[in-house]
Amino acid sequence: MHETNVTIVTMIHLLGFQSPQSISFLLFFLFFIIYCMTLCGNLLIITLVSYSKNLHSPMYIFLTQLAVSDILLATDILPNMVHAVLVKVKRISITDCITQFYFFSVSETSECLLLTLMCYDRYLAICKPLHYSSIVNSHICLKMIIVTWMLSISLVSIQILTIATLHFCRSSIIDHFFCDLAPLLELSCSDTTLVQLEVTLLSVFLVVIPFLIIIISYVYIIVTILRIPSVTGRQKAFSTCSSHLSVLSLYYGSLVCAYLVPTRKQSWNISKFLSLLYTVVTPLMNPIIYSLRNKELKLAFEQIINDFYKINLNVF
């Protein structure tokens, strides 16, 4: 069937939140401050782990990669969002839109895999402490991180190459604050069956299976903790994974809420709000959760401050 008189869309209009002019500047400063806090918080995590030798363990090395993933996600989403708040309708080319979705997908995929690795690390540390150092060392940890990023980049690239072959002609308007998959496919006048099949397979491999691994691991972790005879021992064991459990709850909770809500037109405002949870709130909260609930990170921060003062005193 030949398509005639079809106008191929090359530019997309992102509607964003369509806020009243009276609160546009308030939203601008709010998102700008959130972006700055997200960058500072995650860069602080990376700096602390890199600076303190006491934090050169697999758990904290995985944490730095999680911070890198959060920085990538925040930088991909928030600057465009801040701009869209001011101009009301953000114009973006199809190529830039697909590129934004690519980096969004890479960051989300890597986060799922990294959280799974961190869960496996906690499982070994609590359930198999005698074998921990032999199973997870710095060399194996580095290999895991490389494989995680390579898997994220390569598998998402397959999906993006398929999306790039689509023709977009139905509309030039996306009622969202970033180029997510569902609103992007709604613009396509091509057959999207292959894309949807790839998304389903990748979701099973990169989201569902890691989530099941996390659930099973934490069942074993909780059972092991409950078997510890002393209350102090149970509290100490649980404290080593409480921050990770909080981050997991925030991340997967927001994803489940966002994608269980129907994406009909009348629910787009709710969908956009829920999308804020895993695109904006999660990268902001991750370093806060780990910083507030981790004594070793606090000690590393105090060490950096003390060393900084000592250097200044020596200079003057």
C-alpha atoms as a PDB file:
ATOM      1  CA  MET A   1       0.000   0.000   0.000  1.00  0.00           C
ATOM      2  CA  HIS A   2       1.598   3.259  -1.136  1.00  0.00           C
ATOM      3  CA  GLU A   3       1.320   6.336   1.024  1.00  0.00           C
ATOM      4  CA  THR A   4       0.514   9.517  -0.887  1.00  0.00           C
ATOM      5  CA  ASN A   5       0.389  13.146   0.232  1.00  0.00           C
ATOM      6  CA  VAL A   6       2.002  12.261   3.542  1.00  0.00           C
ATOM      7  CA  THR A   7       4.012  14.970   5.257  1.00  0.00           C
ATOM      8  CA  ILE A   8       7.016  13.488   7.040  1.00  0.00           C
ATOM      9  CA  VAL A   9       7.537  15.136  10.429  1.00  0.00           C
ATOM     10  CA  THR A  10      11.098  16.362  11.054  1.00  0.00           C
ATOM     11  CA  MET A  11      10.473  18.635  14.046  1.00  0.00           C
ATOM     12  CA  ILE A  12       8.607  17.745  17.226  1.00  0.00           C
ATOM     13  CA  HIS A  13       6.900  20.069  19.678  1.00  0.00           C
ATOM     14  CA  LEU A  14       7.181  18.985  23.317  1.00  0.00           C
ATOM     15  CA  LEU A  15       4.300  20.495  25.282  1.00  0.00           C
ATOM     16  CA  GLY A  16       5.873  19.927  28.686  1.00  0.00           C
ATOM     17  CA  PHE A  17       3.672  20.832  31.645  1.00  0.00           C
ATOM     18  CA  GLN A  18       1.882  23.822  30.094  1.00  0.00           C
ATOM     19  CA  SER A  19       1.980  25.692  33.399  1.00  0.00           C
ATOM     20  CA  PRO A  20       0.420  29.147  33.874  1.00  0.00           C
ATOM     21  CA  GLN A  21       2.767  32.069  33.235  1.00  0.00           C
ATOM     22  CA  SER A  22       2.477  33.091  36.882  1.00  0.00           C
ATOM     23  CA  ILE A  23       4.308  29.978  38.083  1.00  0.00           C
ATOM     24  CA  SER A  24       6.619  29.403  35.095  1.00  0.00           C
ATOM     25  CA  PHE A  25       9.591  31.120  36.724  1.00  0.00           C
ATOM     26  CA  LEU A  26       8.916  29.261  39.970  1.00  0.00           C
ATOM     27  CA  LEU A  27       9.056  25.933  38.086  1.00  0.00           C
ATOM     28  CA  PHE A  28      12.151  27.100  36.223  1.00  0.00           C
ATOM     29  CA  PHE A  29      14.066  27.793  39.447  1.00  0.00           C
ATOM     30  CA  LEU A  30      12.701  24.616  41.066  1.00  0.00           C
ATOM     31  CA  PHE A  31      13.928  22.358  38.243  1.00  0.00           C
ATOM     32  CA  PHE A  32      17.181  24.299  37.960  1.00  0.00           C
ATOM     33  CA  ILE A  33      17.887  23.860  41.693  1.00  0.00           C
ATOM     34  CA  ILE A  34      16.959  20.161  41.471  1.00  0.00           C
ATOM     35  CA  TYR A  35      19.398  19.720  38.585  1.00  0.00           C
ATOM     36  CA  CYS A  36      22.214  21.469  40.469  1.00  0.00           C
ATOM     37  CA  MET A  37      21.513  19.423  43.614  1.00  0.00           C
ATOM     38  CA  THR A  38      21.427  16.184  41.586  1.00  0.00           C
ATOM     39  CA  LEU A  39      24.774  16.952  39.959  1.00  0.00           C
ATOM     40  CA  CYS A  40      26.395  18.035  43.233  1.00  0.00           C
ATOM     41  CA  GLY A  41      25.027  15.058  45.200  1.00  0.00           C
ATOM     42  CA  ASN A  42      26.119  12.422  42.706  1.00  0.00           C
ATOM     43  CA  LEU A  43      29.496  14.078  42.057  1.00  0.00           C
ATOM     44  CA  LEU A  44      30.013  14.136  45.827  1.00  0.00           C
ATOM     45  CA  ILE A  45      29.406  10.369  45.979  1.00  0.00           C
ATOM     46  CA  ILE A  46      31.945   9.794  43.186  1.00  0.00           C
ATOM     47  CA  THR A  47      34.473  12.098  44.880  1.00  0.00           C
ATOM     48  CA  LEU A  48      34.104  10.491  48.308  1.00  0.00           C
ATOM     49  CA  VAL A  49      34.529   6.957  46.988  1.00  0.00           C
ATOM     50  CA  SER A  50      37.490   7.958  44.805  1.00  0.00           C
ATOM     51  CA  TYR A  51      39.193   9.888  47.626  1.00  0.00           C
ATOM     52  CA  SER A  52      38.732   7.518  50.571  1.00  0.00           C
ATOM     53  CA  LYS A  53      40.604   4.205  50.446  1.00  0.00           C
ATOM     54  CA  ASN A  54      38.162   2.804  53.012  1.00  0.00           C
ATOM     55  CA  LEU A  55      35.418   3.028  50.374  1.00  0.00           C
ATOM     56  CA  HIS A  56      37.274   1.086  47.681  1.00  0.00           C
ATOM     57  CA  SER A  57      34.977  -1.918  48.052  1.00  0.00           C
ATOM     58  CA  PRO A  58      32.614  -3.433  45.424  1.00  0.00           C
ATOM     59  CA  MET A  59      29.481  -1.926  46.995  1.00  0.00           C
ATOM     60  CA  TYR A  60      30.829   1.631  46.804  1.00  0.00           C
ATOM     61  CA  ILE A  61      32.346   1.110  43.359  1.00  0.00           C
ATOM     62  CA  PHE A  62      28.899   0.047  42.153  1.00  0.00           C
ATOM     63  CA  LEU A  63      27.505   3.118  43.906  1.00  0.00           C
ATOM     64  CA  THR A  64      29.781   5.426  41.886  1.00  0.00           C
ATOM     65  CA  GLN A  65      28.464   3.847  38.680  1.00  0.00           C
ATOM     66  CA  LEU A  66      24.918   4.381  39.906  1.00  0.00           C
ATOM     67  CA  ALA A  67      25.845   8.039  40.443  1.00  0.00           C
ATOM     68  CA  VAL A  68      27.209   8.225  36.865  1.00  0.00           C
ATOM     69  CA  SER A  69      23.923   6.755  35.598  1.00  0.00           C
ATOM     70  CA  ASP A  70      21.926   9.324  37.604  1.00  0.00           C
ATOM     71  CA  ILE A  71      24.034  12.186  36.244  1.00  0.00           C
ATOM     72  CA  LEU A  72      23.472  10.908  32.703  1.00  0.00           C
ATOM     73  CA  LEU A  73      19.713  10.687  33.264  1.00  0.00           C
ATOM     74  CA  ALA A  74      19.416  14.117  34.907  1.00  0.00           C
ATOM     75  CA  THR A  75      21.532  15.796  32.213  1.00  0.00           C
ATOM     76  CA  ASP A  76      19.475  14.135  29.490  1.00  0.00           C
ATOM     77  CA  ILE A  77      16.113  15.243  30.917  1.00  0.00           C
ATOM     78  CA  LEU A  78      16.360  18.343  33.115  1.00  0.00           C
ATOM     79  CA  PRO A  79      18.091  20.961  30.890  1.00  0.00           C
ATOM     80  CA  ASN A  80      15.469  20.459  28.158  1.00  0.00           C
ATOM     81  CA  MET A  81      12.726  20.519  30.796  1.00  0.00           C
ATOM     82  CA  VAL A  82      14.021  23.790  32.236  1.00  0.00           C
ATOM     83  CA  HIS A  83      14.112  25.308  28.756  1.00  0.00           C
ATOM     84  CA  ALA A  84      10.610  24.021  27.949  1.00  0.00           C
ATOM     85  CA  VAL A  85       9.183  25.678  31.082  1.00  0.00           C
ATOM     86  CA  LEU A  86      10.295  29.080  29.785  1.00  0.00           C
ATOM     87  CA  VAL A  87       9.409  28.732  26.105  1.00  0.00           C
ATOM     88  CA  LYS A  88       6.189  26.758  26.779  1.00  0.00           C
ATOM     89  CA  VAL A  89       6.571  24.588  23.663  1.00  0.00           C
ATOM     90  CA  LYS A  90       9.985  23.048  23.107  1.00  0.00           C
ATOM     91  CA  ARG A  91      10.900  22.419  19.455  1.00  0.00           C
ATOM     92  CA  ILE A  92      13.202  19.463  18.894  1.00  0.00           C
ATOM     93  CA  SER A  93      14.180  17.519  15.790  1.00  0.00           C
ATOM     94  CA  ILE A  94      13.264  13.860  15.358  1.00  0.00           C
ATOM     95  CA  THR A  95      16.962  12.974  15.521  1.00  0.00           C
ATOM     96  CA  ASP A  96      17.437  14.859  18.799  1.00  0.00           C
ATOM     97  CA  CYS A  97      14.256  13.309  20.180  1.00  0.00           C
ATOM     98  CA  ILE A  98      15.453   9.776  19.429  1.00  0.00           C
ATOM     99  CA  THR A  99      18.877  10.674  20.834  1.00  0.00           C
ATOM    100  CA  GLN A 100      17.287  11.860  24.071  1.00  0.00           C
ATOM    101  CA  PHE A 101      15.319   8.629  24.322  1.00  0.00           C
ATOM    102  CA  TYR A 102      18.528   6.675  23.669  1.00  0.00           C
ATOM    103  CA  PHE A 103      20.420   8.218  26.598  1.00  0.00           C
ATOM    104  CA  PHE A 104      17.320   7.938  28.776  1.00  0.00           C
ATOM    105  CA  SER A 105      17.077   4.209  27.965  1.00  0.00           C
ATOM    106  CA  VAL A 106      20.798   3.617  28.555  1.00  0.00           C
ATOM    107  CA  SER A 107      20.680   5.291  31.967  1.00  0.00           C
ATOM    108  CA  GLU A 108      17.520   3.451  33.034  1.00  0.00           C
ATOM    109  CA  THR A 109      18.846   0.100  31.796  1.00  0.00           C
ATOM    110  CA  SER A 110      22.208   0.541  33.499  1.00  0.00           C
ATOM    111  CA  GLU A 111      20.443   1.540  36.718  1.00  0.00           C
ATOM    112  CA  CYS A 112      18.384  -1.676  36.703  1.00  0.00           C
ATOM    113  CA  LEU A 113      21.503  -3.795  36.175  1.00  0.00           C
ATOM    114  CA  LEU A 114      23.600  -1.871  38.709  1.00  0.00           C
ATOM    115  CA  LEU A 115      20.911  -2.167  41.386  1.00  0.00           C
ATOM    116  CA  THR A 116      20.854  -5.904  40.691  1.00  0.00           C
ATOM    117  CA  LEU A 117      24.648  -6.130  41.074  1.00  0.00           C
ATOM    118  CA  MET A 118      24.459  -4.173  44.322  1.00  0.00           C
ATOM    119  CA  CYS A 119      21.763  -6.547  45.546  1.00  0.00           C
ATOM    120  CA  TYR A 120      23.927  -9.558  44.648  1.00  0.00           C
ATOM    121  CA  ASP A 121      26.822  -7.922  46.492  1.00  0.00           C
ATOM    122  CA  ARG A 122      24.673  -7.541  49.635  1.00  0.00           C
ATOM    123  CA  TYR A 123      23.472 -11.129  49.277  1.00  0.00           C
ATOM    124  CA  LEU A 124      27.054 -12.433  49.236  1.00  0.00           C
ATOM    125  CA  ALA A 125      28.146 -10.136  52.083  1.00  0.00           C
ATOM    126  CA  ILE A 126      25.304 -11.233  54.386  1.00  0.00           C
ATOM    127  CA  CYS A 127      24.493 -14.792  53.305  1.00  0.00           C
ATOM    128  CA  LYS A 128      27.987 -15.990  52.297  1.00  0.00           C
ATOM    129  CA  PRO A 129      30.429 -13.760  54.218  1.00  0.00           C
ATOM    130  CA  LEU A 130      33.248 -16.350  54.269  1.00  0.00           C
ATOM    131  CA  HIS A 131      33.281 -16.571  50.464  1.00  0.00           C
ATOM    132  CA  TYR A 132      32.628 -12.880  49.797  1.00  0.00           C
ATOM    133  CA  SER A 133      36.209 -11.712  49.214  1.00  0.00           C
ATOM    134  CA  SER A 134      36.983 -14.619  46.890  1.00  0.00           C
ATOM    135  CA  ILE A 135      33.811 -14.225  44.795  1.00  0.00           C
ATOM    136  CA  VAL A 136      33.708 -10.422  44.540  1.00  0.00           C
ATOM    137  CA  ASN A 137      37.079  -8.687  44.271  1.00  0.00           C
ATOM    138  CA  SER A 138      38.142  -5.491  42.495  1.00  0.00           C
ATOM    139  CA  HIS A 139      39.019  -7.354  39.289  1.00  0.00           C
ATOM    140  CA  ILE A 140      35.651  -9.115  39.052  1.00  0.00           C
ATOM    141  CA  CYS A 141      33.880  -5.923  40.090  1.00  0.00           C
ATOM    142  CA  LEU A 142      35.479  -4.032  37.187  1.00  0.00           C
ATOM    143  CA  LYS A 143      34.428  -6.765  34.750  1.00  0.00           C
ATOM    144  CA  MET A 144      30.850  -6.618  36.028  1.00  0.00           C
ATOM    145  CA  ILE A 145      30.728  -2.842  35.533  1.00  0.00           C
ATOM    146  CA  ILE A 146      32.133  -3.060  31.998  1.00  0.00           C
ATOM    147  CA  VAL A 147      29.638  -5.786  31.065  1.00  0.00           C
ATOM    148  CA  THR A 148      26.784  -3.734  32.568  1.00  0.00           C
ATOM    149  CA  TRP A 149      27.534  -0.648  30.499  1.00  0.00           C
ATOM    150  CA  MET A 150      28.251  -2.648  27.342  1.00  0.00           C
ATOM    151  CA  LEU A 151      24.967  -4.529  27.689  1.00  0.00           C
ATOM    152  CA  SER A 152      23.049  -1.297  28.315  1.00  0.00           C
ATOM    153  CA  ILE A 153      24.584   0.514  25.354  1.00  0.00           C
ATOM    154  CA  SER A 154      24.457  -2.354  22.860  1.00  0.00           C
ATOM    155  CA  LEU A 155      20.954  -3.652  23.628  1.00  0.00           C
ATOM    156  CA  VAL A 156      19.414  -0.175  23.694  1.00  0.00           C
ATOM    157  CA  SER A 157      21.213   0.608  20.417  1.00  0.00           C
ATOM    158  CA  ILE A 158      19.403  -2.297  18.730  1.00  0.00           C
ATOM    159  CA  GLN A 159      16.071  -0.822  19.751  1.00  0.00           C
ATOM    160  CA  ILE A 160      17.072   2.710  18.719  1.00  0.00           C
ATOM    161  CA  LEU A 161      18.214   1.550  15.255  1.00  0.00           C
ATOM    162  CA  THR A 162      14.773   0.029  14.711  1.00  0.00           C
ATOM    163  CA  ILE A 163      13.034   3.217  15.881  1.00  0.00           C
ATOM    164  CA  ALA A 164      15.233   5.271  13.534  1.00  0.00           C
ATOM    165  CA  THR A 165      13.788   3.378  10.542  1.00  0.00           C
ATOM    166  CA  LEU A 166      10.243   4.507  11.353  1.00  0.00           C
ATOM    167  CA  HIS A 167       8.485   7.324   9.523  1.00  0.00           C
ATOM    168  CA  PHE A 168       6.784   9.999  11.639  1.00  0.00           C
ATOM    169  CA  CYS A 169       3.860  11.766   9.985  1.00  0.00           C
ATOM    170  CA  ARG A 170       0.742  11.576  12.162  1.00  0.00           C
ATOM    171  CA  SER A 171       1.489  14.643  14.265  1.00  0.00           C
ATOM    172  CA  SER A 172       4.353  16.870  15.383  1.00  0.00           C
ATOM    173  CA  ILE A 173       3.167  17.243  18.990  1.00  0.00           C
ATOM    174  CA  ILE A 174       4.214  15.162  22.001  1.00  0.00           C
ATOM    175  CA  ASP A 175       2.239  15.883  25.157  1.00  0.00           C
ATOM    176  CA  HIS A 176       5.145  15.103  27.473  1.00  0.00           C
ATOM    177  CA  PHE A 177       8.244  16.805  28.908  1.00  0.00           C
ATOM    178  CA  PHE A 178      10.691  14.396  27.225  1.00  0.00           C
ATOM    179  CA  CYS A 179      10.790  11.931  24.333  1.00  0.00           C
ATOM    180  CA  ASP A 180       9.495   8.754  25.914  1.00  0.00           C
ATOM    181  CA  LEU A 181       8.758   5.661  23.848  1.00  0.00           C
ATOM    182  CA  ALA A 182       4.945   5.575  23.993  1.00  0.00           C
ATOM    183  CA  PRO A 183       4.298   9.167  22.815  1.00  0.00           C
ATOM    184  CA  LEU A 184       7.069   8.823  20.220  1.00  0.00           C
ATOM    185  CA  LEU A 185       5.519   5.699  18.680  1.00  0.00           C
ATOM    186  CA  GLU A 186       2.123   7.407  18.565  1.00  0.00           C
ATOM    187  CA  LEU A 187       3.562   9.807  15.983  1.00  0.00           C
ATOM    188  CA  SER A 188       4.704   6.990  13.698  1.00  0.00           C
ATOM    189  CA  CYS A 189       2.797   6.096  10.559  1.00  0.00           C
ATOM    190  CA  SER A 190       4.954   2.975  10.117  1.00  0.00           C
ATOM    191  CA  ASP A 191       4.321  -0.482  11.508  1.00  0.00           C
ATOM    192  CA  THR A 192       5.653  -0.463  15.085  1.00  0.00           C
ATOM    193  CA  THR A 193       5.157  -4.186  15.768  1.00  0.00           C
ATOM    194  CA  LEU A 194       8.883  -4.964  15.617  1.00  0.00           C
ATOM    195  CA  VAL A 195       9.720  -2.092  17.993  1.00  0.00           C
ATOM    196  CA  GLN A 196       7.091  -3.210  20.481  1.00  0.00           C
ATOM    197  CA  LEU A 197       8.359  -6.796  20.294  1.00  0.00           C
ATOM    198  CA  GLU A 198      11.923  -5.638  20.954  1.00  0.00           C
ATOM    199  CA  VAL A 199      10.755  -3.486  23.870  1.00  0.00           C
ATOM    200  CA  THR A 200       8.905  -6.447  25.389  1.00  0.00           C
ATOM    201  CA  LEU A 201      11.903  -8.780  25.055  1.00  0.00           C
ATOM    202  CA  LEU A 202      14.328  -6.170  26.413  1.00  0.00           C
ATOM    203  CA  SER A 203      11.972  -5.362  29.289  1.00  0.00           C
ATOM    204  CA  VAL A 204      11.867  -9.029  30.279  1.00  0.00           C
ATOM    205  CA  PHE A 205      15.640  -9.372  30.049  1.00  0.00           C
ATOM    206  CA  LEU A 206      16.644  -6.024  31.579  1.00  0.00           C
ATOM    207  CA  VAL A 207      13.818  -5.240  34.009  1.00  0.00           C
ATOM    208  CA  VAL A 208      11.721  -8.305  34.912  1.00  0.00           C
ATOM    209  CA  ILE A 209      14.555 -10.812  35.361  1.00  0.00           C
ATOM    210  CA  PRO A 210      16.734  -8.384  37.408  1.00  0.00           C
ATOM    211  CA  PHE A 211      13.689  -7.569  39.535  1.00  0.00           C
ATOM    212  CA  LEU A 212      13.072 -11.271  40.222  1.00  0.00           C
ATOM    213  CA  ILE A 213      16.755 -11.727  41.116  1.00  0.00           C
ATOM    214  CA  ILE A 214      16.460  -8.815  43.549  1.00  0.00           C
ATOM    215  CA  ILE A 215      13.313 -10.242  45.164  1.00  0.00           C
ATOM    216  CA  ILE A 216      14.846 -13.724  45.571  1.00  0.00           C
ATOM    217  CA  SER A 217      18.108 -12.268  46.920  1.00  0.00           C
ATOM    218  CA  TYR A 218      16.308 -10.198  49.528  1.00  0.00           C
ATOM    219  CA  VAL A 219      14.234 -13.181  50.615  1.00  0.00           C
ATOM    220  CA  TYR A 220      17.494 -15.008  51.369  1.00  0.00           C
ATOM    221  CA  ILE A 221      18.954 -11.871  52.991  1.00  0.00           C
ATOM    222  CA  ILE A 222      15.940 -11.382  55.289  1.00  0.00           C
ATOM    223  CA  VAL A 223      15.865 -15.067  56.244  1.00  0.00           C
ATOM    224  CA  THR A 224      19.599 -14.949  57.043  1.00  0.00           C
ATOM    225  CA  ILE A 225      19.218 -11.768  59.121  1.00  0.00           C
ATOM    226  CA  LEU A 226      16.318 -13.246  61.119  1.00  0.00           C
ATOM    227  CA  ARG A 227      18.502 -16.236  61.998  1.00  0.00           C
ATOM    228  CA  ILE A 228      21.123 -14.028  63.648  1.00  0.00           C
ATOM    229  CA  PRO A 229      20.709 -14.627  67.406  1.00  0.00           C
ATOM    230  CA  SER A 230      21.531 -11.143  68.732  1.00  0.00           C
ATOM    231  CA  VAL A 231      19.402  -8.046  68.161  1.00  0.00           C
ATOM    232  CA  THR A 232      22.540  -5.953  67.658  1.00  0.00           C
ATOM    233  CA  GLY A 233      23.788  -8.368  64.992  1.00  0.00           C
ATOM    234  CA  ARG A 234      20.462  -8.242  63.146  1.00  0.00           C
ATOM    235  CA  GLN A 235      20.426  -4.440  63.232  1.00  0.00           C
ATOM    236  CA  LYS A 236      24.020  -4.243  61.980  1.00  0.00           C
ATOM    237  CA  ALA A 237      23.325  -6.697  59.139  1.00  0.00           C
ATOM    238  CA  PHE A 238      20.148  -4.886  58.103  1.00  0.00           C
ATOM    239  CA  SER A 239      21.867  -1.477  58.193  1.00  0.00           C
ATOM    240  CA  THR A 240      24.307  -2.639  55.497  1.00  0.00           C
ATOM    241  CA  CYS A 241      21.469  -3.030  52.976  1.00  0.00           C
ATOM    242  CA  SER A 242      18.846  -0.538  54.226  1.00  0.00           C
ATOM    243  CA  SER A 243      20.015   2.279  51.925  1.00  0.00           C
ATOM    244  CA  HIS A 244      20.026  -0.016  48.923  1.00  0.00           C
ATOM    245  CA  LEU A 245      16.551  -1.286  49.826  1.00  0.00           C
ATOM    246  CA  SER A 246      15.280   2.306  50.060  1.00  0.00           C
ATOM    247  CA  VAL A 247      16.705   3.158  46.618  1.00  0.00           C
ATOM    248  CA  LEU A 248      15.200  -0.031  45.168  1.00  0.00           C
ATOM    249  CA  SER A 249      11.771   0.822  46.588  1.00  0.00           C
ATOM    250  CA  LEU A 250      11.903   4.351  45.178  1.00  0.00           C
ATOM    251  CA  TYR A 251      13.137   3.280  41.740  1.00  0.00           C
ATOM    252  CA  TYR A 252      10.930   0.258  41.072  1.00  0.00           C
ATOM    253  CA  GLY A 253       7.984   1.804  42.890  1.00  0.00           C
ATOM    254  CA  SER A 254       8.029   4.838  40.597  1.00  0.00           C
ATOM    255  CA  LEU A 255       8.461   2.659  37.480  1.00  0.00           C
ATOM    256  CA  VAL A 256       5.545   0.423  38.415  1.00  0.00           C
ATOM    257  CA  CYS A 257       3.305   3.405  39.168  1.00  0.00           C
ATOM    258  CA  ALA A 258       4.251   5.164  35.927  1.00  0.00           C
ATOM    259  CA  TYR A 259       3.708   2.209  33.614  1.00  0.00           C
ATOM    260  CA  LEU A 260       0.603   0.760  35.281  1.00  0.00           C
ATOM    261  CA  VAL A 261      -1.264   4.024  34.747  1.00  0.00           C
ATOM    262  CA  PRO A 262      -3.122   3.937  31.383  1.00  0.00           C
ATOM    263  CA  THR A 263      -1.653   6.289  28.790  1.00  0.00           C
ATOM    264  CA  ARG A 264      -4.911   7.593  27.364  1.00  0.00           C
ATOM    265  CA  LYS A 265      -5.173  11.309  26.698  1.00  0.00           C
ATOM    266  CA  GLN A 266      -7.092  12.055  29.857  1.00  0.00           C
ATOM    267  CA  SER A 267      -4.332  10.529  31.997  1.00  0.00           C
ATOM    268  CA  TRP A 268      -1.285  12.221  30.405  1.00  0.00           C
ATOM    269  CA  ASN A 269      -1.011  14.757  33.237  1.00  0.00           C
ATOM    270  CA  ILE A 270      -0.858  11.904  35.756  1.00  0.00           C
ATOM    271  CA  SER A 271       1.630  10.033  33.559  1.00  0.00           C
ATOM    272  CA  LYS A 272       3.860  13.110  33.327  1.00  0.00           C
ATOM    273  CA  PHE A 273       3.772  13.553  37.083  1.00  0.00           C
ATOM    274  CA  LEU A 274       4.646   9.888  37.669  1.00  0.00           C
ATOM    275  CA  SER A 275       7.428  10.124  35.077  1.00  0.00           C
ATOM    276  CA  LEU A 276       8.960  12.853  37.219  1.00  0.00           C
ATOM    277  CA  LEU A 277       9.501  10.278  39.959  1.00  0.00           C
ATOM    278  CA  TYR A 278      11.983   8.132  38.049  1.00  0.00           C
ATOM    279  CA  THR A 279      13.474  10.815  35.769  1.00  0.00           C
ATOM    280  CA  VAL A 280      13.925  13.657  38.290  1.00  0.00           C
ATOM    281  CA  VAL A 281      13.226  12.541  41.859  1.00  0.00           C
ATOM    282  CA  THR A 282      15.174   9.264  41.817  1.00  0.00           C
ATOM    283  CA  PRO A 283      18.511  10.759  40.618  1.00  0.00           C
ATOM    284  CA  LEU A 284      18.096  13.480  43.257  1.00  0.00           C
ATOM    285  CA  MET A 285      17.188  11.158  46.134  1.00  0.00           C
ATOM    286  CA  ASN A 286      19.728   8.367  45.531  1.00  0.00           C
ATOM    287  CA  PRO A 287      22.785  10.296  46.831  1.00  0.00           C
ATOM    288  CA  ILE A 288      20.710  11.790  49.659  1.00  0.00           C
ATOM    289  CA  ILE A 289      19.555   8.348  50.831  1.00  0.00           C
ATOM    290  CA  TYR A 290      23.059   6.893  50.714  1.00  0.00           C
ATOM    291  CA  SER A 291      24.637   9.963  52.342  1.00  0.00           C
ATOM    292  CA  LEU A 292      22.166  10.269  55.201  1.00  0.00           C
ATOM    293  CA  ARG A 293      22.085   6.555  56.030  1.00  0.00           C
ATOM    294  CA  ASN A 294      25.733   5.642  55.596  1.00  0.00           C
ATOM    295  CA  LYS A 295      28.273   6.293  58.354  1.00  0.00           C
ATOM    296  CA  GLU A 296      31.267   5.454  56.156  1.00  0.00           C
ATOM    297  CA  LEU A 297      30.316   8.111  53.601  1.00  0.00           C
ATOM    298  CA  LYS A 298      29.854  10.640  56.391  1.00  0.00           C
ATOM    299  CA  LEU A 299      33.304   9.800  57.790  1.00  0.00           C
ATOM    300  CA  ALA A 300      34.823  10.107  54.303  1.00  0.00           C
ATOM    301  CA  PHE A 301      33.213  13.535  53.915  1.00  0.00           C
ATOM    302  CA  GLU A 302      34.561  14.660  57.292  1.00  0.00           C
ATOM    303  CA  GLN A 303      38.005  13.384  56.277  1.00  0.00           C
ATOM    304  CA  ILE A 304      37.947  15.446  53.074  1.00  0.00           C
ATOM    305  CA  ILE A 305      36.887  18.569  55.003  1.00  0.00           C
ATOM    306  CA  ASN A 306      39.626  18.049  57.595  1.00  0.00           C
ATOM    307  CA  ASP A 307      42.270  17.463  54.928  1.00  0.00           C
ATOM    308  CA  PHE A 308      41.095  20.587  53.107  1.00  0.00           C
ATOM    309  CA  TYR A 309      41.460  22.691  56.259  1.00  0.00           C
ATOM    310  CA  LYS A 310      44.907  21.224  56.927  1.00  0.00           C
ATOM    311  CA  ILE A 311      46.062  22.100  53.412  1.00  0.00           C
ATOM    312  CA  ASN A 312      44.775  25.662  53.789  1.00  0.00           C
ATOM    313  CA  LEU A 313      46.454  26.043  57.173  1.00  0.00           C
ATOM    314  CA  ASN A 314      49.749  24.862  55.716  1.00  0.00           C
ATOM    315  CA  VAL A 315      49.429  27.299  52.818  1.00  0.00           C
ATOM    316  CA  PHE A 316      48.793  30.268  55.080  1.00  0.00           C
END
